Amino acid sequence: MKTQRELFEFVWATREHVSEVSGKPLLPRHDYRWHWQFAHILSKGTYPSFKLNPDNIMLMLPDEHEKQERYDLFNERKEALKRQYYEDKN
């Protein structure tokens, strides 16, 4: 993938349209907040090589995205991705 839009399209096409943290249905594509449902687990600035990695995306509702650090599942995936990131660096 070359762009964040392509990444989001791929994730949308290959995953269920429910929040990974609450199980609630996600907003439809035509909603202006649609793109806010794609939460980067590792920040794009600190981990640029993972910016377009589908494994670095969790689907969640926009209000959940705003408080993503509060979710255990999010933090578990973050630690696993950090390990993977640094293993790939070595």
PDB file of N, CA and C in Angstrom:
ATOM      1  N   MET A   1       0.825  -1.175   0.000  1.00  0.00           N
ATOM      2  CA  MET A   1       0.000   0.000   0.000  1.00  0.00           C
ATOM      3  C   MET A   1       0.874   1.245   0.000  1.00  0.00           C
ATOM      4  N   LYS A   2       0.399   2.230  -0.717  1.00  0.00           N
ATOM      5  CA  LYS A   2       1.192   3.444  -0.857  1.00  0.00           C
ATOM      6  C   LYS A   2       0.615   4.628  -0.085  1.00  0.00           C
ATOM      7  N   THR A   3      -0.668   4.568   0.235  1.00  0.00           N
ATOM      8  CA  THR A   3      -1.293   5.697   0.927  1.00  0.00           C
ATOM      9  C   THR A   3      -2.129   5.198   2.104  1.00  0.00           C
ATOM     10  N   GLN A   4      -2.400   6.105   3.008  1.00  0.00           N
ATOM     11  CA  GLN A   4      -3.236   5.782   4.153  1.00  0.00           C
ATOM     12  C   GLN A   4      -4.653   5.438   3.688  1.00  0.00           C
ATOM     13  N   ARG A   5      -5.126   6.102   2.670  1.00  0.00           N
ATOM     14  CA  ARG A   5      -6.455   5.801   2.127  1.00  0.00           C
ATOM     15  C   ARG A   5      -6.519   4.352   1.640  1.00  0.00           C
ATOM     16  N   GLU A   6      -5.483   3.910   0.912  1.00  0.00           N
ATOM     17  CA  GLU A   6      -5.429   2.520   0.448  1.00  0.00           C
ATOM     18  C   GLU A   6      -5.432   1.563   1.632  1.00  0.00           C
ATOM     19  N   LEU A   7      -4.705   1.910   2.679  1.00  0.00           N
ATOM     20  CA  LEU A   7      -4.673   1.094   3.890  1.00  0.00           C
ATOM     21  C   LEU A   7      -6.069   0.980   4.485  1.00  0.00           C
ATOM     22  N   PHE A   8      -6.749   2.098   4.640  1.00  0.00           N
ATOM     23  CA  PHE A   8      -8.089   2.092   5.222  1.00  0.00           C
ATOM     24  C   PHE A   8      -9.051   1.278   4.351  1.00  0.00           C
ATOM     25  N   GLU A   9      -8.966   1.426   3.047  1.00  0.00           N
ATOM     26  CA  GLU A   9      -9.823   0.663   2.133  1.00  0.00           C
ATOM     27  C   GLU A   9      -9.572  -0.839   2.288  1.00  0.00           C
ATOM     28  N   PHE A  10      -8.311  -1.221   2.405  1.00  0.00           N
ATOM     29  CA  PHE A  10      -7.969  -2.637   2.575  1.00  0.00           C
ATOM     30  C   PHE A  10      -8.524  -3.179   3.886  1.00  0.00           C
ATOM     31  N   VAL A  11      -8.302  -2.450   4.965  1.00  0.00           N
ATOM     32  CA  VAL A  11      -8.789  -2.890   6.278  1.00  0.00           C
ATOM     33  C   VAL A  11     -10.306  -3.000   6.253  1.00  0.00           C
ATOM     34  N   TRP A  12     -10.987  -2.022   5.669  1.00  0.00           N
ATOM     35  CA  TRP A  12     -12.448  -2.026   5.605  1.00  0.00           C
ATOM     36  C   TRP A  12     -12.951  -3.243   4.814  1.00  0.00           C
ATOM     37  N   ALA A  13     -12.244  -3.584   3.755  1.00  0.00           N
ATOM     38  CA  ALA A  13     -12.669  -4.689   2.888  1.00  0.00           C
ATOM     39  C   ALA A  13     -12.394  -6.062   3.506  1.00  0.00           C
ATOM     40  N   THR A  14     -11.459  -6.135   4.440  1.00  0.00           N
ATOM     41  CA  THR A  14     -11.030  -7.440   4.945  1.00  0.00           C
ATOM     42  C   THR A  14     -11.435  -7.734   6.386  1.00  0.00           C
ATOM     43  N   ARG A  15     -12.067  -6.786   7.046  1.00  0.00           N
ATOM     44  CA  ARG A  15     -12.470  -6.997   8.443  1.00  0.00           C
ATOM     45  C   ARG A  15     -13.959  -6.752   8.618  1.00  0.00           C
ATOM     46  N   GLU A  16     -14.485  -7.316   9.700  1.00  0.00           N
ATOM     47  CA  GLU A  16     -15.870  -7.038  10.058  1.00  0.00           C
ATOM     48  C   GLU A  16     -15.996  -5.567  10.433  1.00  0.00           C
ATOM     49  N   HIS A  17     -17.157  -5.007  10.187  1.00  0.00           N
ATOM     50  CA  HIS A  17     -17.384  -3.586  10.456  1.00  0.00           C
ATOM     51  C   HIS A  17     -17.958  -3.378  11.853  1.00  0.00           C
ATOM     52  N   VAL A  18     -17.189  -3.856  12.835  1.00  0.00           N
ATOM     53  CA  VAL A  18     -17.530  -3.675  14.242  1.00  0.00           C
ATOM     54  C   VAL A  18     -16.288  -3.194  14.983  1.00  0.00           C
ATOM     55  N   SER A  19     -16.518  -2.471  16.060  1.00  0.00           N
ATOM     56  CA  SER A  19     -15.417  -2.003  16.892  1.00  0.00           C
ATOM     57  C   SER A  19     -14.705  -3.198  17.510  1.00  0.00           C
ATOM     58  N   GLU A  20     -13.401  -3.185  17.451  1.00  0.00           N
ATOM     59  CA  GLU A  20     -12.613  -4.262  18.043  1.00  0.00           C
ATOM     60  C   GLU A  20     -12.545  -4.160  19.561  1.00  0.00           C
ATOM     61  N   VAL A  21     -12.912  -3.023  20.119  1.00  0.00           N
ATOM     62  CA  VAL A  21     -12.874  -2.887  21.575  1.00  0.00           C
ATOM     63  C   VAL A  21     -14.242  -3.054  22.227  1.00  0.00           C
ATOM     64  N   SER A  22     -15.320  -2.711  21.517  1.00  0.00           N
ATOM     65  CA  SER A  22     -16.647  -2.803  22.131  1.00  0.00           C
ATOM     66  C   SER A  22     -17.589  -3.767  21.421  1.00  0.00           C
ATOM     67  N   GLY A  23     -17.279  -4.121  20.187  1.00  0.00           N
ATOM     68  CA  GLY A  23     -18.157  -4.983  19.410  1.00  0.00           C
ATOM     69  C   GLY A  23     -19.343  -4.255  18.789  1.00  0.00           C
ATOM     70  N   LYS A  24     -19.420  -2.941  18.982  1.00  0.00           N
ATOM     71  CA  LYS A  24     -20.522  -2.155  18.416  1.00  0.00           C
ATOM     72  C   LYS A  24     -20.310  -1.959  16.914  1.00  0.00           C
ATOM     73  N   PRO A  25     -21.406  -1.824  16.161  1.00  0.00           N
ATOM     74  CA  PRO A  25     -21.275  -1.583  14.718  1.00  0.00           C
ATOM     75  C   PRO A  25     -20.560  -0.259  14.438  1.00  0.00           C
ATOM     76  N   LEU A  26     -19.741  -0.269  13.397  1.00  0.00           N
ATOM     77  CA  LEU A  26     -19.036   0.943  12.994  1.00  0.00           C
ATOM     78  C   LEU A  26     -19.945   1.838  12.168  1.00  0.00           C
ATOM     79  N   LEU A  27     -19.520   3.077  12.017  1.00  0.00           N
ATOM     80  CA  LEU A  27     -20.260   4.037  11.205  1.00  0.00           C
ATOM     81  C   LEU A  27     -20.140   3.657   9.730  1.00  0.00           C
ATOM     82  N   PRO A  28     -21.161   3.965   8.923  1.00  0.00           N
ATOM     83  CA  PRO A  28     -21.094   3.640   7.495  1.00  0.00           C
ATOM     84  C   PRO A  28     -20.080   4.522   6.767  1.00  0.00           C
ATOM     85  N   ARG A  29     -19.700   4.067   5.587  1.00  0.00           N
ATOM     86  CA  ARG A  29     -18.684   4.777   4.797  1.00  0.00           C
ATOM     87  C   ARG A  29     -19.035   6.229   4.523  1.00  0.00           C
ATOM     88  N   HIS A  30     -20.284   6.555   4.344  1.00  0.00           N
ATOM     89  CA  HIS A  30     -20.653   7.926   3.982  1.00  0.00           C
ATOM     90  C   HIS A  30     -20.628   8.893   5.171  1.00  0.00           C
ATOM     91  N   ASP A  31     -20.409   8.394   6.379  1.00  0.00           N
ATOM     92  CA  ASP A  31     -20.335   9.263   7.549  1.00  0.00           C
ATOM     93  C   ASP A  31     -19.034  10.075   7.503  1.00  0.00           C
ATOM     94  N   TYR A  32     -19.121  11.348   7.811  1.00  0.00           N
ATOM     95  CA  TYR A  32     -17.939  12.215   7.750  1.00  0.00           C
ATOM     96  C   TYR A  32     -16.846  11.796   8.735  1.00  0.00           C
ATOM     97  N   ARG A  33     -17.175  10.997   9.738  1.00  0.00           N
ATOM     98  CA  ARG A  33     -16.184  10.540  10.719  1.00  0.00           C
ATOM     99  C   ARG A  33     -15.645   9.141  10.406  1.00  0.00           C
ATOM    100  N   TRP A  34     -15.988   8.618   9.234  1.00  0.00           N
ATOM    101  CA  TRP A  34     -15.593   7.258   8.853  1.00  0.00           C
ATOM    102  C   TRP A  34     -14.104   7.001   9.084  1.00  0.00           C
ATOM    103  N   HIS A  35     -13.246   7.897   8.638  1.00  0.00           N
ATOM    104  CA  HIS A  35     -11.797   7.693   8.753  1.00  0.00           C
ATOM    105  C   HIS A  35     -11.311   7.679  10.207  1.00  0.00           C
ATOM    106  N   TRP A  36     -12.103   8.212  11.139  1.00  0.00           N
ATOM    107  CA  TRP A  36     -11.725   8.222  12.559  1.00  0.00           C
ATOM    108  C   TRP A  36     -11.882   6.855  13.209  1.00  0.00           C
ATOM    109  N   GLN A  37     -12.367   5.892  12.457  1.00  0.00           N
ATOM    110  CA  GLN A  37     -12.572   4.547  12.991  1.00  0.00           C
ATOM    111  C   GLN A  37     -11.326   3.682  12.821  1.00  0.00           C
ATOM    112  N   PHE A  38     -10.295   4.215  12.192  1.00  0.00           N
ATOM    113  CA  PHE A  38      -9.056   3.501  11.940  1.00  0.00           C
ATOM    114  C   PHE A  38      -7.976   4.049  12.873  1.00  0.00           C
ATOM    115  N   ALA A  39      -7.763   3.377  13.974  1.00  0.00           N
ATOM    116  CA  ALA A  39      -6.807   3.857  14.982  1.00  0.00           C
ATOM    117  C   ALA A  39      -5.444   3.222  14.760  1.00  0.00           C
ATOM    118  N   HIS A  40      -4.433   4.056  14.559  1.00  0.00           N
ATOM    119  CA  HIS A  40      -3.057   3.550  14.509  1.00  0.00           C
ATOM    120  C   HIS A  40      -2.652   3.162  15.930  1.00  0.00           C
ATOM    121  N   ILE A  41      -2.164   1.972  16.083  1.00  0.00           N
ATOM    122  CA  ILE A  41      -1.757   1.484  17.399  1.00  0.00           C
ATOM    123  C   ILE A  41      -0.408   2.102  17.770  1.00  0.00           C
ATOM    124  N   LEU A  42       0.554   1.994  16.886  1.00  0.00           N
ATOM    125  CA  LEU A  42       1.832   2.687  17.056  1.00  0.00           C
ATOM    126  C   LEU A  42       1.748   3.990  16.278  1.00  0.00           C
ATOM    127  N   SER A  43       2.189   5.074  16.860  1.00  0.00           N
ATOM    128  CA  SER A  43       2.055   6.375  16.204  1.00  0.00           C
ATOM    129  C   SER A  43       2.816   6.420  14.882  1.00  0.00           C
ATOM    130  N   LYS A  44       2.230   7.142  13.947  1.00  0.00           N
ATOM    131  CA  LYS A  44       2.812   7.242  12.606  1.00  0.00           C
ATOM    132  C   LYS A  44       4.137   7.993  12.626  1.00  0.00           C
ATOM    133  N   GLY A  45       4.265   8.959  13.523  1.00  0.00           N
ATOM    134  CA  GLY A  45       5.498   9.750  13.586  1.00  0.00           C
ATOM    135  C   GLY A  45       6.655   8.996  14.202  1.00  0.00           C
ATOM    136  N   THR A  46       6.405   8.278  15.272  1.00  0.00           N
ATOM    137  CA  THR A  46       7.460   7.558  15.977  1.00  0.00           C
ATOM    138  C   THR A  46       7.837   6.257  15.283  1.00  0.00           C
ATOM    139  N   TYR A  47       6.869   5.630  14.617  1.00  0.00           N
ATOM    140  CA  TYR A  47       7.083   4.339  13.955  1.00  0.00           C
ATOM    141  C   TYR A  47       6.679   4.444  12.477  1.00  0.00           C
ATOM    142  N   PRO A  48       7.397   5.253  11.699  1.00  0.00           N
ATOM    143  CA  PRO A  48       6.969   5.521  10.318  1.00  0.00           C
ATOM    144  C   PRO A  48       6.899   4.287   9.421  1.00  0.00           C
ATOM    145  N   SER A  49       7.716   3.286   9.675  1.00  0.00           N
ATOM    146  CA  SER A  49       7.667   2.103   8.818  1.00  0.00           C
ATOM    147  C   SER A  49       6.416   1.263   9.058  1.00  0.00           C
ATOM    148  N   PHE A  50       5.687   1.537  10.132  1.00  0.00           N
ATOM    149  CA  PHE A  50       4.444   0.811  10.430  1.00  0.00           C
ATOM    150  C   PHE A  50       3.200   1.639  10.074  1.00  0.00           C
ATOM    151  N   LYS A  51       3.404   2.814   9.511  1.00  0.00           N
ATOM    152  CA  LYS A  51       2.289   3.707   9.179  1.00  0.00           C
ATOM    153  C   LYS A  51       1.267   3.029   8.273  1.00  0.00           C
ATOM    154  N   LEU A  52       1.719   2.256   7.306  1.00  0.00           N
ATOM    155  CA  LEU A  52       0.824   1.620   6.343  1.00  0.00           C
ATOM    156  C   LEU A  52       0.705   0.115   6.564  1.00  0.00           C
ATOM    157  N   ASN A  53       1.022  -0.334   7.756  1.00  0.00           N
ATOM    158  CA  ASN A  53       0.932  -1.751   8.111  1.00  0.00           C
ATOM    159  C   ASN A  53      -0.485  -2.040   8.626  1.00  0.00           C
ATOM    160  N   PRO A  54      -1.232  -2.919   7.959  1.00  0.00           N
ATOM    161  CA  PRO A  54      -2.598  -3.219   8.419  1.00  0.00           C
ATOM    162  C   PRO A  54      -2.659  -3.748   9.854  1.00  0.00           C
ATOM    163  N   ASP A  55      -1.602  -4.412  10.306  1.00  0.00           N
ATOM    164  CA  ASP A  55      -1.579  -4.911  11.679  1.00  0.00           C
ATOM    165  C   ASP A  55      -1.509  -3.783  12.697  1.00  0.00           C
ATOM    166  N   ASN A  56      -1.154  -2.593  12.243  1.00  0.00           N
ATOM    167  CA  ASN A  56      -1.044  -1.434  13.124  1.00  0.00           C
ATOM    168  C   ASN A  56      -2.358  -0.642  13.201  1.00  0.00           C
ATOM    169  N   ILE A  57      -3.419  -1.198  12.682  1.00  0.00           N
ATOM    170  CA  ILE A  57      -4.725  -0.528  12.694  1.00  0.00           C
ATOM    171  C   ILE A  57      -5.714  -1.339  13.517  1.00  0.00           C
ATOM    172  N   MET A  58      -6.426  -0.658  14.389  1.00  0.00           N
ATOM    173  CA  MET A  58      -7.571  -1.247  15.094  1.00  0.00           C
ATOM    174  C   MET A  58      -8.801  -0.461  14.691  1.00  0.00           C
ATOM    175  N   LEU A  59      -9.874  -1.187  14.408  1.00  0.00           N
ATOM    176  CA  LEU A  59     -11.139  -0.539  14.104  1.00  0.00           C
ATOM    177  C   LEU A  59     -11.868  -0.239  15.409  1.00  0.00           C
ATOM    178  N   MET A  60     -12.317   1.001  15.545  1.00  0.00           N
ATOM    179  CA  MET A  60     -13.077   1.406  16.728  1.00  0.00           C
ATOM    180  C   MET A  60     -13.872   2.656  16.391  1.00  0.00           C
ATOM    181  N   LEU A  61     -14.897   2.900  17.146  1.00  0.00           N
ATOM    182  CA  LEU A  61     -15.724   4.083  16.941  1.00  0.00           C
ATOM    183  C   LEU A  61     -14.937   5.351  17.277  1.00  0.00           C
ATOM    184  N   PRO A  62     -15.314   6.483  16.667  1.00  0.00           N
ATOM    185  CA  PRO A  62     -14.568   7.709  16.914  1.00  0.00           C
ATOM    186  C   PRO A  62     -14.419   8.077  18.394  1.00  0.00           C
ATOM    187  N   ASP A  63     -15.464   7.907  19.198  1.00  0.00           N
ATOM    188  CA  ASP A  63     -15.338   8.251  20.619  1.00  0.00           C
ATOM    189  C   ASP A  63     -14.394   7.285  21.340  1.00  0.00           C
ATOM    190  N   GLU A  64     -14.307   6.051  20.866  1.00  0.00           N
ATOM    191  CA  GLU A  64     -13.350   5.088  21.434  1.00  0.00           C
ATOM    192  C   GLU A  64     -11.929   5.435  21.009  1.00  0.00           C
ATOM    193  N   HIS A  65     -11.801   5.912  19.776  1.00  0.00           N
ATOM    194  CA  HIS A  65     -10.492   6.308  19.248  1.00  0.00           C
ATOM    195  C   HIS A  65      -9.874   7.417  20.106  1.00  0.00           C
ATOM    196  N   GLU A  66     -10.707   8.326  20.563  1.00  0.00           N
ATOM    197  CA  GLU A  66     -10.224   9.442  21.387  1.00  0.00           C
ATOM    198  C   GLU A  66      -9.632   8.979  22.713  1.00  0.00           C
ATOM    199  N   LYS A  67     -10.046   7.813  23.192  1.00  0.00           N
ATOM    200  CA  LYS A  67      -9.537   7.304  24.472  1.00  0.00           C
ATOM    201  C   LYS A  67      -8.947   5.902  24.314  1.00  0.00           C
ATOM    202  N   GLN A  68      -8.324   5.666  23.187  1.00  0.00           N
ATOM    203  CA  GLN A  68      -7.803   4.333  22.846  1.00  0.00           C
ATOM    204  C   GLN A  68      -6.830   3.776  23.882  1.00  0.00           C
ATOM    205  N   GLU A  69      -6.077   4.611  24.521  1.00  0.00           N
ATOM    206  CA  GLU A  69      -5.087   4.153  25.500  1.00  0.00           C
ATOM    207  C   GLU A  69      -5.724   3.538  26.750  1.00  0.00           C
ATOM    208  N   ARG A  70      -7.011   3.717  26.926  1.00  0.00           N
ATOM    209  CA  ARG A  70      -7.707   3.162  28.085  1.00  0.00           C
ATOM    210  C   ARG A  70      -8.083   1.693  27.919  1.00  0.00           C
ATOM    211  N   TYR A  71      -7.992   1.187  26.707  1.00  0.00           N
ATOM    212  CA  TYR A  71      -8.435  -0.179  26.426  1.00  0.00           C
ATOM    213  C   TYR A  71      -7.290  -1.168  26.543  1.00  0.00           C
ATOM    214  N   ASP A  72      -7.501  -2.212  27.329  1.00  0.00           N
ATOM    215  CA  ASP A  72      -6.471  -3.239  27.519  1.00  0.00           C
ATOM    216  C   ASP A  72      -6.060  -3.879  26.199  1.00  0.00           C
ATOM    217  N   LEU A  73      -7.022  -4.194  25.349  1.00  0.00           N
ATOM    218  CA  LEU A  73      -6.713  -4.837  24.076  1.00  0.00           C
ATOM    219  C   LEU A  73      -5.799  -3.957  23.230  1.00  0.00           C
ATOM    220  N   PHE A  74      -6.090  -2.662  23.205  1.00  0.00           N
ATOM    221  CA  PHE A  74      -5.247  -1.722  22.462  1.00  0.00           C
ATOM    222  C   PHE A  74      -3.816  -1.755  22.997  1.00  0.00           C
ATOM    223  N   ASN A  75      -3.665  -1.687  24.302  1.00  0.00           N
ATOM    224  CA  ASN A  75      -2.331  -1.665  24.911  1.00  0.00           C
ATOM    225  C   ASN A  75      -1.592  -2.994  24.732  1.00  0.00           C
ATOM    226  N   GLU A  76      -2.311  -4.098  24.752  1.00  0.00           N
ATOM    227  CA  GLU A  76      -1.681  -5.402  24.501  1.00  0.00           C
ATOM    228  C   GLU A  76      -1.129  -5.461  23.085  1.00  0.00           C
ATOM    229  N   ARG A  77      -1.926  -5.011  22.131  1.00  0.00           N
ATOM    230  CA  ARG A  77      -1.456  -5.005  20.738  1.00  0.00           C
ATOM    231  C   ARG A  77      -0.303  -4.029  20.544  1.00  0.00           C
ATOM    232  N   LYS A  78      -0.349  -2.933  21.263  1.00  0.00           N
ATOM    233  CA  LYS A  78       0.733  -1.943  21.167  1.00  0.00           C
ATOM    234  C   LYS A  78       2.058  -2.552  21.613  1.00  0.00           C
ATOM    235  N   GLU A  79       2.046  -3.259  22.725  1.00  0.00           N
ATOM    236  CA  GLU A  79       3.279  -3.890  23.216  1.00  0.00           C
ATOM    237  C   GLU A  79       3.776  -4.956  22.245  1.00  0.00           C
ATOM    238  N   ALA A  80       2.866  -5.740  21.689  1.00  0.00           N
ATOM    239  CA  ALA A  80       3.254  -6.778  20.725  1.00  0.00           C
ATOM    240  C   ALA A  80       3.844  -6.150  19.461  1.00  0.00           C
ATOM    241  N   LEU A  81       3.244  -5.071  18.987  1.00  0.00           N
ATOM    242  CA  LEU A  81       3.770  -4.403  17.793  1.00  0.00           C
ATOM    243  C   LEU A  81       5.113  -3.742  18.057  1.00  0.00           C
ATOM    244  N   LYS A  82       5.297  -3.206  19.241  1.00  0.00           N
ATOM    245  CA  LYS A  82       6.606  -2.624  19.586  1.00  0.00           C
ATOM    246  C   LYS A  82       7.689  -3.694  19.543  1.00  0.00           C
ATOM    247  N   ARG A  83       7.379  -4.861  20.109  1.00  0.00           N
ATOM    248  CA  ARG A  83       8.360  -5.957  20.058  1.00  0.00           C
ATOM    249  C   ARG A  83       8.684  -6.317  18.613  1.00  0.00           C
ATOM    250  N   GLN A  84       7.648  -6.428  17.801  1.00  0.00           N
ATOM    251  CA  GLN A  84       7.851  -6.758  16.393  1.00  0.00           C
ATOM    252  C   GLN A  84       8.668  -5.672  15.696  1.00  0.00           C
ATOM    253  N   TYR A  85       8.353  -4.426  15.953  1.00  0.00           N
ATOM    254  CA  TYR A  85       9.051  -3.305  15.338  1.00  0.00           C
ATOM    255  C   TYR A  85      10.545  -3.361  15.642  1.00  0.00           C
ATOM    256  N   TYR A  86      10.885  -3.563  16.922  1.00  0.00           N
ATOM    257  CA  TYR A  86      12.293  -3.554  17.307  1.00  0.00           C
ATOM    258  C   TYR A  86      13.016  -4.835  16.880  1.00  0.00           C
ATOM    259  N   GLU A  87      12.305  -5.943  16.784  1.00  0.00           N
ATOM    260  CA  GLU A  87      12.910  -7.164  16.243  1.00  0.00           C
ATOM    261  C   GLU A  87      13.241  -6.976  14.778  1.00  0.00           C
ATOM    262  N   ASP A  88      12.348  -6.327  14.032  1.00  0.00           N
ATOM    263  CA  ASP A  88      12.576  -6.067  12.615  1.00  0.00           C
ATOM    264  C   ASP A  88      13.754  -5.104  12.413  1.00  0.00           C
ATOM    265  N   LYS A  89      13.967  -4.223  13.370  1.00  0.00           N
ATOM    266  CA  LYS A  89      15.066  -3.251  13.280  1.00  0.00           C
ATOM    267  C   LYS A  89      16.440  -3.921  13.472  1.00  0.00           C
ATOM    268  N   ASN A  90      16.459  -5.028  14.197  1.00  0.00           N
ATOM    269  CA  ASN A  90      17.742  -5.681  14.505  1.00  0.00           C
ATOM    270  C   ASN A  90      18.105  -6.718  13.485  1.00  0.00           C
TER     271      ASN A  90
END
